[in-house]
């Protein structure tokens, strides 16, 4: 949706311009620069960060800017396409497909192209928990929707063909979970009793014709390479302004992947931004006890078990293969 640009205000007729602002008649002229004097430096302009976006099932390309967190990002996308922000389930970077490896988290490369996946059909499925683990890995979009990031092969959920990666979990047994974080949803599912059927209400992303029938992550198409080439990223924060920073080093990325795997193993969630936060905390903690104390102060709602914290510290500070 294109909007007409605002026209700048014209200066009064005959009035001079001072830094782009028209002066009132009778205002004295600014003194002329004396010969040999250095001209004052103009303040460095902050670069405008403009990102391109489309709806994943198909739309014209829009431009967005001026957001500092995920909720504001969704609001900007919704404004461009004249939809409600609550229609957006999640976003992927540089692919329109439901690719869980390309999910938008708390960082966006300056040349990344954002695809917004919006609500499609609602479906209900009855599940009987015949074993403790359902085989689901859950993440959330940072704006109130938890959705399925991975389905384990051979699991209970894997045998239900109607359940797909990318489906948002809207309700469990008619109890709405919109607004819950992914770890809360994972905990609810773990606590459901065995041998007792329950109902999941799911919302699948709206699909384009070439995506119909897709159950899990598709391989990358030949012409769909990552657009971003630089390391600089825009870091979105839950509090405070977004900041530009260098991307993580290869060793930091590997440490975050290890921690993300531990999150999935212990809690049934995957969250790359949470993993990165824990890597930073572990790097600054000389012992497991201090890491546990630090995580409890900022992430206490997760209630991480002690053995999990110990494995995080070991994965970051003493990964296998490192020399002692």
Foldseek 3Di string as FASTA:
>chain_A
DDDDDDDDDDAPVPFDADPNHGDDPPDDDDDDDDPPDDDDDDDDDDDWQKAWEDALQDDDIDIFGDDFALLVVLVRVCVRVVHDSQQFFFKFWLHSALALVGTDAQKDFSHTYIYTFGWDDKDKDKFAAQDLDQQFFWFGHRQFWIFTQGGDPPGRVNVVQVHAGQKTFQDKQPHGRGNPGRLVVLVVSSPDDHRDMIMTIITHTDHHPVRPPPGYHDDDDPVRDHRHDAQWIWGHDPDDGIDIDGHDDPLLQQLLVQLQVLCCVPRSYGHSVVSSVLLVLLVPDPDLVSSVVVCCVPPVVSVDDSVSSVVSNCSNVPNPPDDD
